Protein backbone atom coordinates (compact mmCIF):
# COMPACT_ATOMS: atom_id res chain seq x y z
CA MET A 1 6.01 -92.08 67.77
CA LYS A 2 9.52 -93.54 67.42
CA LYS A 3 8.23 -96.70 65.70
CA LEU A 4 6.10 -94.59 63.39
CA ASP A 5 9.00 -92.24 62.66
CA ARG A 6 11.31 -95.18 61.89
CA TYR A 7 8.74 -96.72 59.54
CA ALA A 8 7.98 -93.43 57.81
CA ARG A 9 11.67 -92.80 57.06
CA HIS A 10 11.74 -95.94 54.88
CA LEU A 11 9.30 -94.39 52.42
CA LYS A 12 11.32 -92.47 49.87
CA VAL A 13 10.18 -90.08 47.17
CA GLY A 14 9.50 -92.18 44.09
CA HIS A 15 8.47 -95.33 45.97
CA ARG A 16 5.30 -96.93 44.67
CA VAL A 17 2.45 -97.62 47.09
CA LYS A 18 -0.42 -100.07 46.62
CA PHE A 19 -3.03 -99.79 49.35
CA SER A 20 -4.58 -102.83 51.00
CA ASP A 21 -8.23 -103.70 51.00
CA ASN A 22 -10.30 -101.53 53.35
CA ALA A 23 -8.08 -98.42 53.06
CA TRP A 24 -9.59 -94.96 53.30
CA ALA A 25 -8.50 -91.37 52.74
CA VAL A 26 -9.95 -88.32 54.46
CA LEU A 27 -11.57 -85.71 52.23
CA HIS A 28 -12.86 -82.78 54.26
CA ASN A 29 -15.39 -84.34 56.66
CA SER A 30 -15.82 -87.66 54.84
CA GLU A 31 -13.78 -90.66 53.77
CA VAL A 32 -13.00 -91.95 50.28
CA ASP A 33 -12.31 -95.62 49.56
CA ILE A 34 -8.75 -96.05 48.23
CA SER A 35 -8.69 -99.84 48.61
CA LEU A 36 -6.28 -101.56 46.19
CA LEU A 37 -5.40 -98.26 44.47
CA SER A 38 -1.80 -97.25 43.73
CA GLY A 39 0.25 -94.09 43.83
CA THR A 40 3.74 -92.63 44.17
CA VAL A 41 5.35 -90.99 47.20
CA MET A 42 5.91 -87.35 46.23
CA GLN A 43 7.02 -85.85 49.55
CA ASN A 44 8.10 -87.24 52.91
CA ASP A 45 8.51 -84.66 55.67
CA PHE A 46 9.85 -87.33 58.05
CA ILE A 47 12.98 -87.50 55.86
CA ASP A 48 13.12 -84.04 54.31
CA LYS A 49 12.33 -82.19 57.57
CA VAL A 50 10.03 -79.86 55.63
CA LYS A 51 7.82 -79.45 58.68
CA GLU A 52 8.89 -79.93 62.27
CA PHE A 53 5.32 -80.01 63.58
CA SER A 54 2.88 -82.57 62.19
CA PRO A 55 5.05 -84.05 59.40
CA SER A 56 3.25 -85.54 56.40
CA ILE A 57 3.77 -88.02 53.58
CA TRP A 58 2.12 -87.12 50.27
CA VAL A 59 1.13 -89.86 47.81
CA LYS A 60 0.01 -88.89 44.30
CA MET A 61 -2.61 -91.38 43.17
CA ASP A 62 -2.54 -93.00 39.73
CA LYS A 63 -6.32 -93.03 39.38
CA HIS A 64 -8.23 -89.75 39.46
CA ILE A 65 -10.12 -89.39 42.74
CA PRO A 66 -12.94 -86.83 42.65
CA GLY A 67 -12.41 -84.14 45.25
CA PHE A 68 -8.61 -84.37 45.38
CA GLU A 69 -7.99 -82.03 42.41
CA GLU A 70 -7.10 -79.20 44.79
CA TRP A 71 -4.08 -81.26 45.93
CA ASP A 72 -3.04 -82.49 42.46
CA ASN A 73 -4.79 -85.84 43.10
CA SER A 74 -2.51 -86.43 46.11
CA ILE A 75 -3.36 -87.71 49.58
CA GLN A 76 -1.70 -86.32 52.70
CA PHE A 77 -0.91 -88.88 55.41
CA THR A 78 -0.14 -87.52 58.88
CA ALA A 79 0.91 -89.08 62.16
CA ASN A 80 -1.82 -87.43 64.16
CA GLY A 81 -4.52 -87.10 61.48
CA ASP A 82 -4.13 -83.33 61.66
CA GLY A 83 -5.30 -82.11 58.28
CA GLY A 84 -4.88 -85.45 56.56
CA THR A 85 -5.39 -89.18 56.53
CA GLN A 86 -4.02 -91.39 59.32
CA ILE A 87 -0.57 -92.65 58.37
CA GLU A 88 -1.46 -96.16 59.59
CA TYR A 89 -3.05 -96.85 56.19
CA LEU A 90 0.48 -96.85 54.78
CA PHE A 91 1.52 -99.61 57.24
CA ASN A 92 -0.57 -102.21 55.38
CA ALA A 93 0.28 -100.99 51.89
CA ASP A 94 2.66 -102.78 49.54
CA ILE A 95 5.70 -100.57 48.94
CA THR A 96 8.05 -101.01 45.99
CA LYS A 97 10.94 -98.97 44.68
CA GLU A 98 10.31 -96.59 41.82
CA ASP A 99 9.66 -98.10 38.39
């Protein structure tokens, strides 16, 4: 968890994320292909300490993804997959500073 926590703290609100090929997001009981799509980090609980238990990183996607309207077209990435997508998909993403 320490390596994950250290990595997650580098993602700041406003950073741009471009997912690698073969990246997926969890939507209820299924997965949605987010390969090569981009978005912006909107919240990072690892930095902001919003939640002590099961912190998340929220990425608002540029392209509309059907089914994610309830979350303002944002994907929740969690360390343990509890209620969101595995954070490991962010490990292979290209991260750039805000535009």
